[in-house]
mmCIF file of all heavy atoms, coordinates in Angstrom:
data_MODEL
# 
_entry.id   MODEL 
# 
loop_
_atom_site.group_PDB 
_atom_site.id 
_atom_site.type_symbol 
_atom_site.label_atom_id 
_atom_site.label_alt_id 
_atom_site.label_comp_id 
_atom_site.label_asym_id 
_atom_site.label_entity_id 
_atom_site.label_seq_id 
_atom_site.pdbx_PDB_ins_code 
_atom_site.Cartn_x 
_atom_site.Cartn_y 
_atom_site.Cartn_z 
_atom_site.occupancy 
_atom_site.B_iso_or_equiv 
_atom_site.pdbx_formal_charge 
_atom_site.auth_seq_id 
_atom_site.auth_comp_id 
_atom_site.auth_asym_id 
_atom_site.auth_atom_id 
_atom_site.pdbx_PDB_model_num 
ATOM 1   N N   . GLY A 1 1  ? 13.502  3.656   0.722   1.00 0.00 ? 1  GLY A N   1 
ATOM 2   C CA  . GLY A 1 1  ? 14.937  3.670   0.988   1.00 0.00 ? 1  GLY A CA  1 
ATOM 3   C C   . GLY A 1 1  ? 15.489  5.116   0.743   1.00 0.00 ? 1  GLY A C   1 
ATOM 4   O O   . GLY A 1 1  ? 15.175  5.678   -0.323  1.00 0.00 ? 1  GLY A O   1 
ATOM 5   N N   . ILE A 1 2  ? 16.403  5.498   1.554   1.00 0.00 ? 2  ILE A N   1 
ATOM 6   C CA  . ILE A 1 2  ? 17.045  6.946   1.297   1.00 0.00 ? 2  ILE A CA  1 
ATOM 7   C C   . ILE A 1 2  ? 18.372  6.562   0.585   1.00 0.00 ? 2  ILE A C   1 
ATOM 8   O O   . ILE A 1 2  ? 18.554  7.306   -0.467  1.00 0.00 ? 2  ILE A O   1 
ATOM 9   C CB  . ILE A 1 2  ? 17.260  7.493   2.595   1.00 0.00 ? 2  ILE A CB  1 
ATOM 10  C CG1 . ILE A 1 2  ? 15.877  7.804   3.322   1.00 0.00 ? 2  ILE A CG1 1 
ATOM 11  C CG2 . ILE A 1 2  ? 18.036  8.931   2.509   1.00 0.00 ? 2  ILE A CG2 1 
ATOM 12  C CD1 . ILE A 1 2  ? 16.039  8.452   4.738   1.00 0.00 ? 2  ILE A CD1 1 
ATOM 13  N N   . VAL A 1 3  ? 19.225  5.827   1.170   1.00 0.00 ? 3  VAL A N   1 
ATOM 14  C CA  . VAL A 1 3  ? 20.559  5.588   0.562   1.00 0.00 ? 3  VAL A CA  1 
ATOM 15  C C   . VAL A 1 3  ? 20.474  4.316   -0.335  1.00 0.00 ? 3  VAL A C   1 
ATOM 16  O O   . VAL A 1 3  ? 20.690  4.506   -1.618  1.00 0.00 ? 3  VAL A O   1 
ATOM 17  C CB  . VAL A 1 3  ? 21.643  5.297   1.677   1.00 0.00 ? 3  VAL A CB  1 
ATOM 18  C CG1 . VAL A 1 3  ? 22.910  5.056   0.956   1.00 0.00 ? 3  VAL A CG1 1 
ATOM 19  C CG2 . VAL A 1 3  ? 21.779  6.535   2.485   1.00 0.00 ? 3  VAL A CG2 1 
ATOM 20  N N   . GLY A 1 4  ? 20.060  3.135   0.245   1.00 0.00 ? 4  GLY A N   1 
ATOM 21  C CA  . GLY A 1 4  ? 19.844  2.008   -0.510  1.00 0.00 ? 4  GLY A CA  1 
ATOM 22  C C   . GLY A 1 4  ? 18.299  2.020   -1.001  1.00 0.00 ? 4  GLY A C   1 
ATOM 23  O O   . GLY A 1 4  ? 17.550  3.075   -0.950  1.00 0.00 ? 4  GLY A O   1 
ATOM 24  N N   . ARG A 1 5  ? 17.972  0.979   -1.632  1.00 0.00 ? 5  ARG A N   1 
ATOM 25  C CA  . ARG A 1 5  ? 16.537  0.846   -1.960  1.00 0.00 ? 5  ARG A CA  1 
ATOM 26  C C   . ARG A 1 5  ? 16.010  -0.485  -1.665  1.00 0.00 ? 5  ARG A C   1 
ATOM 27  O O   . ARG A 1 5  ? 16.718  -1.477  -1.600  1.00 0.00 ? 5  ARG A O   1 
ATOM 28  C CB  . ARG A 1 5  ? 16.355  1.254   -3.516  1.00 0.00 ? 5  ARG A CB  1 
ATOM 29  C CG  . ARG A 1 5  ? 16.931  0.037   -4.347  1.00 0.00 ? 5  ARG A CG  1 
ATOM 30  C CD  . ARG A 1 5  ? 16.786  0.366   -5.794  1.00 0.00 ? 5  ARG A CD  1 
ATOM 31  N NE  . ARG A 1 5  ? 17.203  -0.750  -6.635  1.00 0.00 ? 5  ARG A NE  1 
ATOM 32  C CZ  . ARG A 1 5  ? 17.258  -0.771  -8.013  1.00 0.00 ? 5  ARG A CZ  1 
ATOM 33  N NH1 . ARG A 1 5  ? 16.768  0.286   -8.639  1.00 0.00 ? 5  ARG A NH1 1 
ATOM 34  N NH2 . ARG A 1 5  ? 17.749  -1.814  -8.666  1.00 0.00 ? 5  ARG A NH2 1 
ATOM 35  N N   . ARG A 1 6  ? 14.669  -0.533  -1.483  1.00 0.00 ? 6  ARG A N   1 
ATOM 36  C CA  . ARG A 1 6  ? 13.997  -1.823  -1.253  1.00 0.00 ? 6  ARG A CA  1 
ATOM 37  C C   . ARG A 1 6  ? 12.610  -1.736  -1.911  1.00 0.00 ? 6  ARG A C   1 
ATOM 38  O O   . ARG A 1 6  ? 11.876  -0.758  -1.824  1.00 0.00 ? 6  ARG A O   1 
ATOM 39  C CB  . ARG A 1 6  ? 13.630  -2.078  0.280   1.00 0.00 ? 6  ARG A CB  1 
ATOM 40  C CG  . ARG A 1 6  ? 12.889  -3.182  0.551   1.00 0.00 ? 6  ARG A CG  1 
ATOM 41  C CD  . ARG A 1 6  ? 12.816  -3.434  2.139   1.00 0.00 ? 6  ARG A CD  1 
ATOM 42  N NE  . ARG A 1 6  ? 12.134  -4.671  2.501   1.00 0.00 ? 6  ARG A NE  1 
ATOM 43  C CZ  . ARG A 1 6  ? 10.913  -4.694  2.839   1.00 0.00 ? 6  ARG A CZ  1 
ATOM 44  N NH1 . ARG A 1 6  ? 10.140  -3.577  2.829   1.00 0.00 ? 6  ARG A NH1 1 
ATOM 45  N NH2 . ARG A 1 6  ? 10.241  -5.855  3.272   1.00 0.00 ? 6  ARG A NH2 1 
ATOM 46  N N   . VAL A 1 7  ? 12.402  -2.771  -2.733  1.00 0.00 ? 7  VAL A N   1 
ATOM 47  C CA  . VAL A 1 7  ? 11.153  -2.792  -3.552  1.00 0.00 ? 7  VAL A CA  1 
ATOM 48  C C   . VAL A 1 7  ? 10.315  -3.998  -3.269  1.00 0.00 ? 7  VAL A C   1 
ATOM 49  O O   . VAL A 1 7  ? 10.838  -5.178  -3.189  1.00 0.00 ? 7  VAL A O   1 
ATOM 50  C CB  . VAL A 1 7  ? 11.426  -2.838  -5.100  1.00 0.00 ? 7  VAL A CB  1 
ATOM 51  C CG1 . VAL A 1 7  ? 10.121  -2.856  -5.872  1.00 0.00 ? 7  VAL A CG1 1 
ATOM 52  C CG2 . VAL A 1 7  ? 12.301  -1.544  -5.480  1.00 0.00 ? 7  VAL A CG2 1 
ATOM 53  N N   . VAL A 1 8  ? 9.083   -3.847  -2.749  1.00 0.00 ? 8  VAL A N   1 
ATOM 54  C CA  . VAL A 1 8  ? 8.172   -4.927  -2.464  1.00 0.00 ? 8  VAL A CA  1 
ATOM 55  C C   . VAL A 1 8  ? 7.133   -4.898  -3.662  1.00 0.00 ? 8  VAL A C   1 
ATOM 56  O O   . VAL A 1 8  ? 6.497   -3.892  -3.950  1.00 0.00 ? 8  VAL A O   1 
ATOM 57  C CB  . VAL A 1 8  ? 7.572   -4.687  -1.167  1.00 0.00 ? 8  VAL A CB  1 
ATOM 58  C CG1 . VAL A 1 8  ? 6.494   -5.798  -0.842  1.00 0.00 ? 8  VAL A CG1 1 
ATOM 59  C CG2 . VAL A 1 8  ? 8.508   -4.561  -0.003  1.00 0.00 ? 8  VAL A CG2 1 
ATOM 60  N N   . ARG A 1 9  ? 6.932   -6.081  -4.222  1.00 0.00 ? 9  ARG A N   1 
ATOM 61  C CA  . ARG A 1 9  ? 6.118   -6.244  -5.365  1.00 0.00 ? 9  ARG A CA  1 
ATOM 62  C C   . ARG A 1 9  ? 5.012   -7.301  -5.123  1.00 0.00 ? 9  ARG A C   1 
ATOM 63  O O   . ARG A 1 9  ? 5.409   -8.385  -4.859  1.00 0.00 ? 9  ARG A O   1 
ATOM 64  C CB  . ARG A 1 9  ? 6.896   -6.470  -6.692  1.00 0.00 ? 9  ARG A CB  1 
ATOM 65  C CG  . ARG A 1 9  ? 6.079   -6.667  -7.952  1.00 0.00 ? 9  ARG A CG  1 
ATOM 66  C CD  . ARG A 1 9  ? 7.044   -6.957  -9.083  1.00 0.00 ? 9  ARG A CD  1 
ATOM 67  N NE  . ARG A 1 9  ? 6.407   -7.326  -10.327 1.00 0.00 ? 9  ARG A NE  1 
ATOM 68  C CZ  . ARG A 1 9  ? 5.950   -6.569  -11.193 1.00 0.00 ? 9  ARG A CZ  1 
ATOM 69  N NH1 . ARG A 1 9  ? 6.303   -5.302  -11.078 1.00 0.00 ? 9  ARG A NH1 1 
ATOM 70  N NH2 . ARG A 1 9  ? 5.271   -7.007  -12.351 1.00 0.00 ? 9  ARG A NH2 1 
ATOM 71  N N   . ALA A 1 10 ? 3.844   -7.005  -5.310  1.00 0.00 ? 10 ALA A N   1 
ATOM 72  C CA  . ALA A 1 10 ? 2.812   -7.978  -5.173  1.00 0.00 ? 10 ALA A CA  1 
ATOM 73  C C   . ALA A 1 10 ? 2.035   -8.055  -6.544  1.00 0.00 ? 10 ALA A C   1 
ATOM 74  O O   . ALA A 1 10 ? 1.455   -7.113  -7.052  1.00 0.00 ? 10 ALA A O   1 
ATOM 75  C CB  . ALA A 1 10 ? 1.736   -7.534  -4.057  1.00 0.00 ? 10 ALA A CB  1 
ATOM 76  N N   . ARG A 1 11 ? 1.890   -9.313  -6.984  1.00 0.00 ? 11 ARG A N   1 
ATOM 77  C CA  . ARG A 1 11 ? 1.198   -9.489  -8.268  1.00 0.00 ? 11 ARG A CA  1 
ATOM 78  C C   . ARG A 1 11 ? -0.361  -9.329  -8.010  1.00 0.00 ? 11 ARG A C   1 
ATOM 79  O O   . ARG A 1 11 ? -0.954  -9.974  -7.001  1.00 0.00 ? 11 ARG A O   1 
ATOM 80  C CB  . ARG A 1 11 ? 1.361   -10.971 -8.838  1.00 0.00 ? 11 ARG A CB  1 
ATOM 81  C CG  . ARG A 1 11 ? 2.881   -11.128 -9.231  1.00 0.00 ? 11 ARG A CG  1 
ATOM 82  C CD  . ARG A 1 11 ? 3.127   -12.569 -9.554  1.00 0.00 ? 11 ARG A CD  1 
ATOM 83  N NE  . ARG A 1 11 ? 2.122   -13.206 -10.449 1.00 0.00 ? 11 ARG A NE  1 
ATOM 84  C CZ  . ARG A 1 11 ? 2.055   -14.502 -10.824 1.00 0.00 ? 11 ARG A CZ  1 
ATOM 85  N NH1 . ARG A 1 11 ? 2.837   -15.354 -10.075 1.00 0.00 ? 11 ARG A NH1 1 
ATOM 86  N NH2 . ARG A 1 11 ? 1.128   -14.905 -11.640 1.00 0.00 ? 11 ARG A NH2 1 
ATOM 87  N N   . LEU A 1 12 ? -0.984  -8.640  -8.924  1.00 0.00 ? 12 LEU A N   1 
ATOM 88  C CA  . LEU A 1 12 ? -2.479  -8.471  -8.733  1.00 0.00 ? 12 LEU A CA  1 
ATOM 89  C C   . LEU A 1 12 ? -3.305  -9.794  -8.826  1.00 0.00 ? 12 LEU A C   1 
ATOM 90  O O   . LEU A 1 12 ? -4.339  -9.862  -8.203  1.00 0.00 ? 12 LEU A O   1 
ATOM 91  C CB  . LEU A 1 12 ? -2.983  -7.389  -9.652  1.00 0.00 ? 12 LEU A CB  1 
ATOM 92  C CG  . LEU A 1 12 ? -2.391  -6.025  -9.588  1.00 0.00 ? 12 LEU A CG  1 
ATOM 93  C CD1 . LEU A 1 12 ? -3.128  -5.128  -10.636 1.00 0.00 ? 12 LEU A CD1 1 
ATOM 94  C CD2 . LEU A 1 12 ? -2.566  -5.522  -8.199  1.00 0.00 ? 12 LEU A CD2 1 
ATOM 95  N N   . SER A 1 13 ? -2.710  -10.601 -9.561  1.00 0.00 ? 13 SER A N   1 
ATOM 96  C CA  . SER A 1 13 ? -3.432  -11.948 -9.717  1.00 0.00 ? 13 SER A CA  1 
ATOM 97  C C   . SER A 1 13 ? -3.510  -12.738 -8.461  1.00 0.00 ? 13 SER A C   1 
ATOM 98  O O   . SER A 1 13 ? -4.315  -13.696 -8.240  1.00 0.00 ? 13 SER A O   1 
ATOM 99  C CB  . SER A 1 13 ? -2.840  -12.745 -10.868 1.00 0.00 ? 13 SER A CB  1 
ATOM 100 O OG  . SER A 1 13 ? -1.457  -13.022 -10.530 1.00 0.00 ? 13 SER A OG  1 
ATOM 101 N N   . MET A 1 14 ? -2.663  -12.418 -7.560  1.00 0.00 ? 14 MET A N   1 
ATOM 102 C CA  . MET A 1 14 ? -2.485  -13.020 -6.103  1.00 0.00 ? 14 MET A CA  1 
ATOM 103 C C   . MET A 1 14 ? -3.221  -12.306 -5.084  1.00 0.00 ? 14 MET A C   1 
ATOM 104 O O   . MET A 1 14 ? -3.205  -12.787 -3.937  1.00 0.00 ? 14 MET A O   1 
ATOM 105 C CB  . MET A 1 14 ? -0.932  -13.329 -5.822  1.00 0.00 ? 14 MET A CB  1 
ATOM 106 C CG  . MET A 1 14 ? -0.250  -14.088 -6.924  1.00 0.00 ? 14 MET A CG  1 
ATOM 107 S SD  . MET A 1 14 ? -0.856  -15.730 -7.246  1.00 0.00 ? 14 MET A SD  1 
ATOM 108 C CE  . MET A 1 14 ? -0.541  -16.547 -5.607  1.00 0.00 ? 14 MET A CE  1 
ATOM 109 N N   . VAL A 1 15 ? -3.772  -11.214 -5.381  1.00 0.00 ? 15 VAL A N   1 
ATOM 110 C CA  . VAL A 1 15 ? -4.443  -10.363 -4.389  1.00 0.00 ? 15 VAL A CA  1 
ATOM 111 C C   . VAL A 1 15 ? -5.703  -11.143 -3.926  1.00 0.00 ? 15 VAL A C   1 
ATOM 112 O O   . VAL A 1 15 ? -6.621  -11.407 -4.657  1.00 0.00 ? 15 VAL A O   1 
ATOM 113 C CB  . VAL A 1 15 ? -4.645  -9.014  -4.874  1.00 0.00 ? 15 VAL A CB  1 
ATOM 114 C CG1 . VAL A 1 15 ? -5.719  -8.243  -3.806  1.00 0.00 ? 15 VAL A CG1 1 
ATOM 115 C CG2 . VAL A 1 15 ? -3.451  -8.196  -5.131  1.00 0.00 ? 15 VAL A CG2 1 
ATOM 116 N N   . GLU A 1 16 ? -5.761  -11.412 -2.581  1.00 0.00 ? 16 GLU A N   1 
ATOM 117 C CA  . GLU A 1 16 ? -6.982  -12.089 -2.049  1.00 0.00 ? 16 GLU A CA  1 
ATOM 118 C C   . GLU A 1 16 ? -7.929  -10.962 -1.434  1.00 0.00 ? 16 GLU A C   1 
ATOM 119 O O   . GLU A 1 16 ? -9.277  -11.330 -1.448  1.00 0.00 ? 16 GLU A O   1 
ATOM 120 C CB  . GLU A 1 16 ? -6.550  -13.042 -0.931  1.00 0.00 ? 16 GLU A CB  1 
ATOM 121 C CG  . GLU A 1 16 ? -5.707  -14.094 -1.396  1.00 0.00 ? 16 GLU A CG  1 
ATOM 122 C CD  . GLU A 1 16 ? -5.165  -14.981 -0.261  1.00 0.00 ? 16 GLU A CD  1 
ATOM 123 O OE1 . GLU A 1 16 ? -5.550  -14.609 0.884   1.00 0.00 ? 16 GLU A OE1 1 
ATOM 124 O OE2 . GLU A 1 16 ? -4.623  -16.069 -0.487  1.00 0.00 ? 16 GLU A OE2 1 
ATOM 125 N N   . ASN A 1 17 ? -7.452  -9.804  -1.032  1.00 0.00 ? 17 ASN A N   1 
ATOM 126 C CA  . ASN A 1 17 ? -8.380  -8.875  -0.575  1.00 0.00 ? 17 ASN A CA  1 
ATOM 127 C C   . ASN A 1 17 ? -7.689  -7.522  -0.688  1.00 0.00 ? 17 ASN A C   1 
ATOM 128 O O   . ASN A 1 17 ? -6.555  -7.491  -0.599  1.00 0.00 ? 17 ASN A O   1 
ATOM 129 C CB  . ASN A 1 17 ? -8.714  -9.141  1.002   1.00 0.00 ? 17 ASN A CB  1 
ATOM 130 C CG  . ASN A 1 17 ? -9.662  -8.187  1.483   1.00 0.00 ? 17 ASN A CG  1 
ATOM 131 O OD1 . ASN A 1 17 ? -10.660 -7.797  0.879   1.00 0.00 ? 17 ASN A OD1 1 
ATOM 132 N ND2 . ASN A 1 17 ? -9.474  -7.697  2.759   1.00 0.00 ? 17 ASN A ND2 1 
ATOM 133 N N   . SER A 1 18 ? -8.574  -6.457  -0.915  1.00 0.00 ? 18 SER A N   1 
ATOM 134 C CA  . SER A 1 18 ? -8.035  -5.100  -0.972  1.00 0.00 ? 18 SER A CA  1 
ATOM 135 C C   . SER A 1 18 ? -9.070  -4.251  -0.305  1.00 0.00 ? 18 SER A C   1 
ATOM 136 O O   . SER A 1 18 ? -10.297 -4.491  -0.317  1.00 0.00 ? 18 SER A O   1 
ATOM 137 C CB  . SER A 1 18 ? -7.824  -4.729  -2.512  1.00 0.00 ? 18 SER A CB  1 
ATOM 138 O OG  . SER A 1 18 ? -8.999  -4.723  -3.155  1.00 0.00 ? 18 SER A OG  1 
ATOM 139 N N   . ALA A 1 19 ? -8.503  -3.197  0.359   1.00 0.00 ? 19 ALA A N   1 
ATOM 140 C CA  . ALA A 1 19 ? -9.369  -2.234  1.083   1.00 0.00 ? 19 ALA A CA  1 
ATOM 141 C C   . ALA A 1 19 ? -8.703  -0.845  1.229   1.00 0.00 ? 19 ALA A C   1 
ATOM 142 O O   . ALA A 1 19 ? -7.513  -0.808  0.941   1.00 0.00 ? 19 ALA A O   1 
ATOM 143 C CB  . ALA A 1 19 ? -9.758  -2.812  2.444   1.00 0.00 ? 19 ALA A CB  1 
ATOM 144 N N   . TYR A 1 20 ? -9.524  0.083   1.487   1.00 0.00 ? 20 TYR A N   1 
ATOM 145 C CA  . TYR A 1 20 ? -8.847  1.462   1.880   1.00 0.00 ? 20 TYR A CA  1 
ATOM 146 C C   . TYR A 1 20 ? -9.475  1.899   3.109   1.00 0.00 ? 20 TYR A C   1 
ATOM 147 O O   . TYR A 1 20 ? -10.648 1.550   3.485   1.00 0.00 ? 20 TYR A O   1 
ATOM 148 C CB  . TYR A 1 20 ? -9.094  2.411   0.699   1.00 0.00 ? 20 TYR A CB  1 
ATOM 149 C CG  . TYR A 1 20 ? -10.491 2.967   0.459   1.00 0.00 ? 20 TYR A CG  1 
ATOM 150 C CD1 . TYR A 1 20 ? -10.792 4.226   1.190   1.00 0.00 ? 20 TYR A CD1 1 
ATOM 151 C CD2 . TYR A 1 20 ? -11.472 2.441   -0.248  1.00 0.00 ? 20 TYR A CD2 1 
ATOM 152 C CE1 . TYR A 1 20 ? -11.965 4.746   1.040   1.00 0.00 ? 20 TYR A CE1 1 
ATOM 153 C CE2 . TYR A 1 20 ? -12.699 2.852   -0.263  1.00 0.00 ? 20 TYR A CE2 1 
ATOM 154 C CZ  . TYR A 1 20 ? -12.938 4.057   0.303   1.00 0.00 ? 20 TYR A CZ  1 
ATOM 155 O OH  . TYR A 1 20 ? -14.229 4.643   0.221   1.00 0.00 ? 20 TYR A OH  1 
ATOM 156 N N   . GLU A 1 21 ? -8.761  2.736   3.838   1.00 0.00 ? 21 GLU A N   1 
ATOM 157 C CA  . GLU A 1 21 ? -9.232  3.403   4.994   1.00 0.00 ? 21 GLU A CA  1 
ATOM 158 C C   . GLU A 1 21 ? -8.753  4.728   5.117   1.00 0.00 ? 21 GLU A C   1 
ATOM 159 O O   . GLU A 1 21 ? -7.719  5.205   4.673   1.00 0.00 ? 21 GLU A O   1 
ATOM 160 C CB  . GLU A 1 21 ? -8.776  2.586   6.199   1.00 0.00 ? 21 GLU A CB  1 
ATOM 161 C CG  . GLU A 1 21 ? -7.203  2.484   6.409   1.00 0.00 ? 21 GLU A CG  1 
ATOM 162 C CD  . GLU A 1 21 ? -6.829  1.728   7.605   1.00 0.00 ? 21 GLU A CD  1 
ATOM 163 O OE1 . GLU A 1 21 ? -7.647  1.350   8.331   1.00 0.00 ? 21 GLU A OE1 1 
ATOM 164 O OE2 . GLU A 1 21 ? -5.590  1.390   7.753   1.00 0.00 ? 21 GLU A OE2 1 
ATOM 165 N N   . GLN A 1 22 ? -9.608  5.521   5.702   1.00 0.00 ? 22 GLN A N   1 
ATOM 166 C CA  . GLN A 1 22 ? -9.283  7.081   5.947   1.00 0.00 ? 22 GLN A CA  1 
ATOM 167 C C   . GLN A 1 22 ? -9.597  7.408   7.409   1.00 0.00 ? 22 GLN A C   1 
ATOM 168 O O   . GLN A 1 22 ? -10.677 7.024   7.964   1.00 0.00 ? 22 GLN A O   1 
ATOM 169 C CB  . GLN A 1 22 ? -10.120 7.879   4.933   1.00 0.00 ? 22 GLN A CB  1 
ATOM 170 C CG  . GLN A 1 22 ? -9.890  7.642   3.533   1.00 0.00 ? 22 GLN A CG  1 
ATOM 171 C CD  . GLN A 1 22 ? -10.774 8.484   2.721   1.00 0.00 ? 22 GLN A CD  1 
ATOM 172 O OE1 . GLN A 1 22 ? -11.838 8.154   2.488   1.00 0.00 ? 22 GLN A OE1 1 
ATOM 173 N NE2 . GLN A 1 22 ? -10.294 9.640   2.173   1.00 0.00 ? 22 GLN A NE2 1 
ATOM 174 N N   . SER A 1 23 ? -8.665  8.096   7.965   1.00 0.00 ? 23 SER A N   1 
ATOM 175 C CA  . SER A 1 23 ? -8.992  8.678   9.268   1.00 0.00 ? 23 SER A CA  1 
ATOM 176 C C   . SER A 1 23 ? -9.854  9.875   9.098   1.00 0.00 ? 23 SER A C   1 
ATOM 177 O O   . SER A 1 23 ? -10.345 10.272  8.043   1.00 0.00 ? 23 SER A O   1 
ATOM 178 C CB  . SER A 1 23 ? -7.672  9.083   9.777   1.00 0.00 ? 23 SER A CB  1 
ATOM 179 O OG  . SER A 1 23 ? -6.952  10.186  9.044   1.00 0.00 ? 23 SER A OG  1 
ATOM 180 N N   . VAL A 1 24 ? -10.208 10.612  10.263  1.00 0.00 ? 24 VAL A N   1 
ATOM 181 C CA  . VAL A 1 24 ? -10.922 11.736  10.209  1.00 0.00 ? 24 VAL A CA  1 
ATOM 182 C C   . VAL A 1 24 ? -10.369 12.880  9.340   1.00 0.00 ? 24 VAL A C   1 
ATOM 183 O O   . VAL A 1 24 ? -11.015 13.457  8.381   1.00 0.00 ? 24 VAL A O   1 
ATOM 184 C CB  . VAL A 1 24 ? -11.271 12.319  11.639  1.00 0.00 ? 24 VAL A CB  1 
ATOM 185 C CG1 . VAL A 1 24 ? -12.162 13.556  11.511  1.00 0.00 ? 24 VAL A CG1 1 
ATOM 186 C CG2 . VAL A 1 24 ? -11.952 11.362  12.494  1.00 0.00 ? 24 VAL A CG2 1 
ATOM 187 N N   . THR A 1 25 ? -9.079  13.156  9.592   1.00 0.00 ? 25 THR A N   1 
ATOM 188 C CA  . THR A 1 25 ? -8.389  14.134  8.790   1.00 0.00 ? 25 THR A CA  1 
ATOM 189 C C   . THR A 1 25 ? -8.245  13.689  7.262   1.00 0.00 ? 25 THR A C   1 
ATOM 190 O O   . THR A 1 25 ? -8.353  14.453  6.373   1.00 0.00 ? 25 THR A O   1 
ATOM 191 C CB  . THR A 1 25 ? -7.062  14.476  9.414   1.00 0.00 ? 25 THR A CB  1 
ATOM 192 O OG1 . THR A 1 25 ? -6.249  13.261  9.461   1.00 0.00 ? 25 THR A OG1 1 
ATOM 193 C CG2 . THR A 1 25 ? -7.186  15.172  10.694  1.00 0.00 ? 25 THR A CG2 1 
ATOM 194 N N   . GLY A 1 26 ? -8.131  12.362  7.152   1.00 0.00 ? 26 GLY A N   1 
ATOM 195 C CA  . GLY A 1 26 ? -7.949  11.857  5.862   1.00 0.00 ? 26 GLY A CA  1 
ATOM 196 C C   . GLY A 1 26 ? -9.162  11.982  4.965   1.00 0.00 ? 26 GLY A C   1 
ATOM 197 O O   . GLY A 1 26 ? -9.212  12.374  3.743   1.00 0.00 ? 26 GLY A O   1 
ATOM 198 N N   . SER A 1 27 ? -10.394 11.849  5.645   1.00 0.00 ? 27 SER A N   1 
ATOM 199 C CA  . SER A 1 27 ? -11.642 12.101  4.998   1.00 0.00 ? 27 SER A CA  1 
ATOM 200 C C   . SER A 1 27 ? -11.833 13.441  4.643   1.00 0.00 ? 27 SER A C   1 
ATOM 201 O O   . SER A 1 27 ? -12.405 13.986  3.613   1.00 0.00 ? 27 SER A O   1 
ATOM 202 C CB  . SER A 1 27 ? -12.785 11.652  5.859   1.00 0.00 ? 27 SER A CB  1 
ATOM 203 O OG  . SER A 1 27 ? -12.729 10.257  6.065   1.00 0.00 ? 27 SER A OG  1 
ATOM 204 N N   . LEU A 1 28 ? -11.326 14.467  5.414   1.00 0.00 ? 28 LEU A N   1 
ATOM 205 C CA  . LEU A 1 28 ? -11.511 15.842  5.207   1.00 0.00 ? 28 LEU A CA  1 
ATOM 206 C C   . LEU A 1 28 ? -10.606 16.399  4.181   1.00 0.00 ? 28 LEU A C   1 
ATOM 207 O O   . LEU A 1 28 ? -10.957 17.182  3.305   1.00 0.00 ? 28 LEU A O   1 
ATOM 208 C CB  . LEU A 1 28 ? -11.084 16.659  6.585   1.00 0.00 ? 28 LEU A CB  1 
ATOM 209 C CG  . LEU A 1 28 ? -12.175 16.530  7.742   1.00 0.00 ? 28 LEU A CG  1 
ATOM 210 C CD1 . LEU A 1 28 ? -11.669 17.349  8.938   1.00 0.00 ? 28 LEU A CD1 1 
ATOM 211 C CD2 . LEU A 1 28 ? -13.533 17.121  7.291   1.00 0.00 ? 28 LEU A CD2 1 
# 
C-alpha cells in the first residue's frame, strides 16, 4: 500500500507447502 495499507498474514503452523523459484537473472 502507498496511501493506505494492506497486511496479509499467514500462520506458519497452517503452511501446507513452501517453495522458492528463481528466474535466469534471479539465479545470476
